[in-house]
Amino acid sequence: MPNLSLRPQRDPSIFRRIAIGTWRTAFDPQVYGSVELRMEPALAYIEAFRARTGRRLTVTHMVAKAVAHTLQRVPEANAVLRWNRVYLRDRIGVFLQVVLTDEGEGKIDLSGATIYDVERKSLVEICDEVEQKVAVVRKRQDPALEKSRGLFRSVPYLLLNWFLDFLSFVTVTLNLDLRWAGIPSDPFGSVMVTNIGSLGLDMAYAPLVPYSRVPIVLAVGAVKDEAVVDGGRVVPGKVMRVHATFDHRFIDGWHAAVMSRTLKTMIEDPERHFGVPGDPRPAQPTGAPAAAAAPSPPP
């Protein structure tokens, strides 16, 4: 008689197969942290932006641009490990997770779209690029992505861990371009951003994805009505929390402090740092704390 009454799940999603091949133990160097943001200025900015441009700007777009600027200020965090040595990236890429719902009833799949040089682009450019890339992903019109999905579907369960480790080793450690084999070039970028607020969640920490070699994952929560202290008085306010999971091999508390202050400054004073709503010219944030303004890192 078995200890547990079990039955195998039939035909799981591609994401579930990849997840099985990704995580084994709890020995990962994950560190967690959160930053709380006042959202009244950002919400007003989004409303004005949409009215002037007709584009659907979201908090995720703003966080993507803000986190790209934080990586400019702490370039040590924009890195990968190869042969146990840190290599700094020359470009900043932001991976935005996309939910796919056409795998069948009860199956939710995850994919994503990566945009590069986000720190140099205006919010208008970011909105347009994200919309175009997400549409291609959701319509299953990305040839490289669809070829990769088909490849993962054909890998036996017993080989999933080995297969993902092998891909990570070849594409990052050996740094070989496998686009000829249908494997996208640098598909995950420097940082992952997932909007858990779209699921109604205001707090969650997403895990690092080892085979992606991305050292930072941000989970953007829902905007909530909460009591806040403003000028010594308790008043109603709009609050959002961003939850970070990062790799302690690259990032310590000093880096995290610079990054959280930069994110908070930009989101809470959007017109100063993102420019006039709807302005197509890329805005360079002013007044955001730079790495040099933070306390000196520990020796």
Protein backbone atom coordinates (compact mmCIF):
# COMPACT_ATOMS: atom_id res chain seq x y z
CA MET A 1 0.00 0.00 0.00
CA PRO A 2 1.53 3.36 -0.98
CA ASN A 3 2.25 6.06 1.56
CA LEU A 4 0.46 8.70 -0.54
CA SER A 5 -2.40 8.38 -2.96
CA LEU A 6 -1.00 9.96 -6.12
CA ARG A 7 -1.56 10.17 -9.84
CA PRO A 8 0.62 11.82 -12.51
CA GLN A 9 -0.50 15.16 -13.92
CA ARG A 10 -1.28 14.80 -17.59
CA ASP A 11 0.00 17.19 -20.25
CA PRO A 12 1.32 20.06 -18.05
CA SER A 13 2.14 23.45 -19.56
CA ILE A 14 5.53 24.26 -21.08
CA PHE A 15 6.28 26.58 -18.16
CA ARG A 16 5.61 23.77 -15.67
CA ARG A 17 8.08 21.52 -17.51
CA ILE A 18 10.71 24.27 -17.49
CA ALA A 19 10.09 24.91 -13.78
CA ILE A 20 10.64 21.23 -13.00
CA GLY A 21 13.96 21.38 -14.83
CA THR A 22 15.04 24.58 -13.10
CA TRP A 23 14.84 24.32 -9.30
CA ARG A 24 16.35 21.53 -7.24
CA THR A 25 17.39 22.66 -3.75
CA ALA A 26 17.24 25.67 -1.45
CA PHE A 27 20.95 26.42 -1.58
CA ASP A 28 20.58 29.46 -3.84
CA PRO A 29 22.04 32.83 -2.73
CA GLN A 30 18.67 34.60 -2.73
CA VAL A 31 18.13 37.77 -0.70
CA TYR A 32 14.80 39.58 -0.44
CA GLY A 33 13.74 43.17 0.09
CA SER A 34 10.83 45.54 -0.48
CA VAL A 35 10.31 49.23 -1.07
CA GLU A 36 7.04 51.06 -0.44
CA LEU A 37 6.03 53.78 -2.89
CA ARG A 38 3.46 56.59 -2.67
CA MET A 39 1.57 56.36 -5.95
CA GLU A 40 -0.63 59.47 -6.21
CA PRO A 41 1.84 61.35 -8.47
CA ALA A 42 2.48 58.28 -10.64
CA LEU A 43 -1.23 57.56 -11.10
CA ALA A 44 -1.87 61.17 -12.10
CA TYR A 45 1.07 61.00 -14.50
CA ILE A 46 -0.26 57.81 -16.09
CA GLU A 47 -3.71 59.36 -16.56
CA ALA A 48 -2.23 62.48 -18.21
CA PHE A 49 0.07 60.36 -20.39
CA ARG A 50 -2.80 58.20 -21.65
CA ALA A 51 -4.96 61.24 -22.37
CA ARG A 52 -2.23 62.97 -24.39
CA THR A 53 -0.88 59.98 -26.32
CA GLY A 54 -3.62 57.36 -26.47
CA ARG A 55 -1.06 54.80 -25.31
CA ARG A 56 -1.69 52.53 -22.37
CA LEU A 57 1.16 53.44 -20.07
CA THR A 58 1.31 51.23 -16.96
CA VAL A 59 3.25 51.17 -13.72
CA THR A 60 5.25 48.27 -15.17
CA HIS A 61 6.60 50.49 -17.99
CA MET A 62 7.67 53.11 -15.44
CA VAL A 63 9.32 50.53 -13.18
CA ALA A 64 11.14 49.04 -16.18
CA LYS A 65 12.68 52.39 -17.07
CA ALA A 66 13.43 53.24 -13.45
CA VAL A 67 15.18 49.93 -12.77
CA ALA A 68 17.26 50.40 -15.94
CA HIS A 69 18.47 53.72 -14.51
CA THR A 70 19.32 52.02 -11.22
CA LEU A 71 21.55 49.59 -13.12
CA GLN A 72 23.32 52.58 -14.66
CA ARG A 73 24.10 53.76 -11.14
CA VAL A 74 25.19 50.36 -9.85
CA PRO A 75 26.72 48.66 -12.93
CA GLU A 76 28.13 45.87 -10.73
CA ALA A 77 24.55 44.53 -10.56
CA ASN A 78 24.31 44.35 -14.36
CA ALA A 79 26.43 41.22 -14.57
CA VAL A 80 26.68 37.47 -15.05
CA LEU A 81 28.96 34.78 -13.64
CA ARG A 82 31.23 32.88 -16.04
CA TRP A 83 33.76 30.38 -14.73
CA ASN A 84 33.10 31.83 -11.24
CA ARG A 85 34.17 35.30 -12.39
CA VAL A 86 31.89 38.33 -12.63
CA TYR A 87 31.44 39.75 -16.12
CA LEU A 88 29.72 43.12 -16.54
CA ARG A 89 27.16 43.52 -19.28
CA ASP A 90 27.60 46.21 -21.92
CA ARG A 91 23.84 46.72 -22.33
CA ILE A 92 20.85 46.87 -20.02
CA GLY A 93 17.90 44.63 -20.87
CA VAL A 94 14.60 44.37 -18.98
CA PHE A 95 12.58 41.16 -19.26
CA LEU A 96 8.83 41.70 -18.77
CA GLN A 97 6.87 38.55 -18.00
CA VAL A 98 3.80 37.85 -20.13
CA VAL A 99 0.94 35.52 -19.18
CA LEU A 100 -0.22 33.15 -21.94
CA THR A 101 -3.64 31.53 -21.57
CA ASP A 102 -4.11 29.57 -24.80
CA GLU A 103 -2.50 26.30 -23.70
CA GLY A 104 -5.89 24.87 -22.77
CA GLU A 105 -8.39 24.98 -19.94
CA GLY A 106 -6.73 25.45 -16.57
CA LYS A 107 -3.28 26.01 -18.04
CA ILE A 108 -1.48 29.28 -17.48
CA ASP A 109 1.84 29.62 -19.25
CA LEU A 110 4.49 32.27 -18.76
CA SER A 111 6.68 33.84 -21.37
CA GLY A 112 8.12 37.30 -21.77
CA ALA A 113 9.41 40.16 -23.85
CA THR A 114 12.82 41.75 -23.39
CA ILE A 115 13.58 45.35 -24.26
CA TYR A 116 17.10 46.74 -24.37
CA ASP A 117 18.63 50.18 -23.76
CA VAL A 118 15.51 51.07 -21.77
CA GLU A 119 17.35 53.83 -19.93
CA ARG A 120 17.85 55.69 -23.24
CA LYS A 121 14.24 55.47 -24.43
CA SER A 122 11.21 57.62 -23.74
CA LEU A 123 8.09 56.15 -22.17
CA VAL A 124 6.38 56.55 -25.55
CA GLU A 125 9.06 54.38 -27.18
CA ILE A 126 8.90 51.85 -24.35
CA CYS A 127 5.10 51.56 -24.58
CA ASP A 128 5.22 51.04 -28.34
CA GLU A 129 8.01 48.46 -28.20
CA VAL A 130 6.46 46.47 -25.35
CA GLU A 131 3.04 46.46 -27.02
CA GLN A 132 4.51 45.22 -30.30
CA LYS A 133 6.63 42.50 -28.68
CA VAL A 134 3.90 41.28 -26.34
CA ALA A 135 1.45 41.07 -29.25
CA VAL A 136 3.92 38.92 -31.20
CA VAL A 137 4.46 36.62 -28.21
CA ARG A 138 0.74 36.21 -27.46
CA LYS A 139 -0.10 35.54 -31.11
CA ARG A 140 2.62 32.86 -31.21
CA GLN A 141 4.35 34.74 -34.04
CA ASP A 142 7.86 34.85 -32.56
CA PRO A 143 9.74 32.17 -34.59
CA ALA A 144 12.61 31.75 -32.12
CA LEU A 145 10.30 31.56 -29.11
CA GLU A 146 7.96 29.06 -30.76
CA LYS A 147 10.88 26.90 -31.83
CA SER A 148 12.21 26.98 -28.25
CA ARG A 149 8.79 26.05 -26.85
CA GLY A 150 8.57 23.12 -29.23
CA LEU A 151 12.05 22.03 -28.19
CA PHE A 152 11.14 22.09 -24.48
CA ARG A 153 7.96 20.17 -25.18
CA SER A 154 9.98 17.33 -26.67
CA VAL A 155 12.55 17.01 -23.86
CA PRO A 156 11.86 14.01 -21.56
CA TYR A 157 11.24 14.82 -17.89
CA LEU A 158 14.33 12.88 -16.84
CA LEU A 159 16.53 15.20 -18.92
CA LEU A 160 14.91 18.57 -18.10
CA ASN A 161 17.46 19.55 -15.42
CA TRP A 162 20.39 18.51 -17.56
CA PHE A 163 19.00 20.21 -20.66
CA LEU A 164 18.44 23.60 -18.98
CA ASP A 165 21.84 23.45 -17.29
CA PHE A 166 23.44 22.63 -20.62
CA LEU A 167 21.72 25.54 -22.40
CA SER A 168 22.79 27.94 -19.65
CA PHE A 169 26.36 26.66 -19.79
CA VAL A 170 26.62 26.97 -23.58
CA THR A 171 24.89 30.35 -23.97
CA VAL A 172 26.37 32.15 -20.92
CA THR A 173 29.44 30.33 -19.61
CA LEU A 174 30.75 29.56 -23.10
CA ASN A 175 28.94 32.64 -24.46
CA LEU A 176 28.01 30.97 -27.75
CA ASP A 177 25.31 32.39 -30.03
CA LEU A 178 22.80 29.59 -30.75
CA ARG A 179 20.30 31.53 -32.83
CA TRP A 180 21.04 29.16 -35.69
CA ALA A 181 19.52 26.41 -33.52
CA GLY A 182 16.42 28.44 -32.63
CA ILE A 183 17.69 29.57 -29.20
CA PRO A 184 17.14 33.36 -28.81
CA SER A 185 20.19 35.50 -28.13
CA ASP A 186 20.23 36.81 -24.52
CA PRO A 187 16.47 36.33 -24.07
CA PHE A 188 16.26 37.40 -20.40
CA GLY A 189 18.37 40.55 -20.21
CA SER A 190 19.67 42.05 -16.98
CA VAL A 191 16.59 42.10 -14.73
CA MET A 192 13.15 40.48 -14.70
CA VAL A 193 9.98 42.43 -13.87
CA THR A 194 6.68 40.71 -13.17
CA ASN A 195 3.44 42.52 -12.33
CA ILE A 196 1.81 40.53 -9.54
CA GLY A 197 -0.62 43.43 -9.07
CA SER A 198 -2.42 42.32 -12.23
CA LEU A 199 -3.30 39.14 -10.28
CA GLY A 200 -4.64 41.19 -7.36
CA LEU A 201 -1.58 40.56 -5.18
CA ASP A 202 0.17 43.32 -3.31
CA MET A 203 2.97 41.18 -1.87
CA ALA A 204 4.99 38.25 -3.25
CA TYR A 205 8.63 37.42 -3.87
CA ALA A 206 9.46 35.77 -7.18
CA PRO A 207 12.33 33.25 -7.29
CA LEU A 208 15.53 33.72 -9.21
CA VAL A 209 15.62 31.60 -12.36
CA PRO A 210 19.04 29.90 -12.37
CA TYR A 211 19.29 29.02 -16.06
CA SER A 212 18.48 32.64 -17.04
CA ARG A 213 21.53 33.93 -15.09
CA VAL A 214 19.51 37.06 -14.20
CA PRO A 215 20.51 38.29 -10.71
CA ILE A 216 17.46 40.49 -9.98
CA VAL A 217 13.71 39.78 -10.11
CA LEU A 218 11.19 42.52 -9.25
CA ALA A 219 7.57 41.75 -8.37
CA VAL A 220 5.37 44.85 -8.74
CA GLY A 221 2.38 44.71 -6.41
CA ALA A 222 -1.11 46.16 -6.71
CA VAL A 223 -1.84 49.77 -5.77
CA LYS A 224 -3.77 49.76 -2.49
CA ASP A 225 -5.65 52.35 -0.45
CA GLU A 226 -3.90 52.65 2.90
CA ALA A 227 -3.55 55.06 5.77
CA VAL A 228 -0.27 56.98 5.44
CA VAL A 229 1.50 59.65 7.45
CA ASP A 230 1.77 62.92 5.52
CA GLY A 231 3.12 66.03 7.23
CA GLY A 232 2.59 64.48 10.65
CA ARG A 233 -1.06 63.61 9.92
CA VAL A 234 -2.61 60.25 9.12
CA VAL A 235 -4.40 60.56 5.77
CA PRO A 236 -5.70 58.16 3.09
CA GLY A 237 -3.14 57.37 0.41
CA LYS A 238 -2.32 55.17 -2.56
CA VAL A 239 0.55 52.77 -1.85
CA MET A 240 2.38 50.19 -3.96
CA ARG A 241 5.16 47.83 -2.93
CA VAL A 242 7.90 46.49 -5.15
CA HIS A 243 9.48 43.26 -3.93
CA ALA A 244 12.98 42.34 -5.02
CA THR A 245 14.77 39.02 -5.08
CA PHE A 246 18.47 39.32 -5.85
CA ASP A 247 21.61 37.25 -6.06
CA HIS A 248 23.90 37.99 -3.11
CA ARG A 249 26.94 37.01 -5.19
CA PHE A 250 26.50 40.27 -7.14
CA ILE A 251 24.47 42.57 -4.92
CA ASP A 252 24.78 43.47 -1.26
CA GLY A 253 22.85 45.82 1.02
CA TRP A 254 24.69 48.89 -0.25
CA HIS A 255 23.74 48.22 -3.86
CA ALA A 256 20.16 47.42 -2.84
CA ALA A 257 19.89 50.70 -0.91
CA VAL A 258 21.03 52.76 -3.91
CA MET A 259 18.66 50.90 -6.19
CA SER A 260 15.64 51.22 -3.89
CA ARG A 261 16.23 54.97 -3.35
CA THR A 262 16.55 55.55 -7.09
CA LEU A 263 13.36 53.61 -7.80
CA LYS A 264 11.46 55.44 -5.06
CA THR A 265 12.67 58.88 -6.16
CA MET A 266 11.73 58.34 -9.81
CA ILE A 267 8.29 56.77 -9.27
CA GLU A 268 7.24 59.29 -6.62
CA ASP A 269 8.29 62.33 -8.71
CA PRO A 270 7.59 61.12 -12.26
CA GLU A 271 7.43 64.37 -14.22
CA ARG A 272 10.84 65.42 -12.96
CA HIS A 273 12.45 62.11 -13.94
CA PHE A 274 10.38 60.83 -16.86
CA GLY A 275 9.65 64.19 -18.50
CA VAL A 276 6.39 65.84 -19.47
CA PRO A 277 3.68 63.17 -19.97
CA GLY A 278 3.69 62.09 -23.60
CA ASP A 279 6.96 63.78 -24.55
CA PRO A 280 8.58 61.44 -27.14
CA ARG A 281 12.07 62.57 -26.20
CA PRO A 282 13.92 60.33 -23.73
CA ALA A 283 14.16 61.97 -20.34
CA GLN A 284 17.28 61.71 -18.24
CA PRO A 285 16.28 61.70 -14.57
CA THR A 286 17.56 64.54 -12.45
CA GLY A 287 18.12 64.60 -8.76
CA ALA A 288 17.91 60.82 -8.28
CA PRO A 289 20.50 59.54 -5.83
CA ALA A 290 23.57 58.21 -7.55
CA ALA A 291 25.86 55.54 -6.25
CA ALA A 292 28.40 58.14 -5.20
CA ALA A 293 25.81 59.78 -2.96
CA ALA A 294 25.19 56.60 -1.00
CA PRO A 295 27.19 55.57 2.05
CA SER A 296 30.52 54.02 1.17
CA PRO A 297 30.32 50.27 0.62
CA PRO A 298 31.87 48.08 3.28
CA PRO A 299 35.53 47.21 2.74
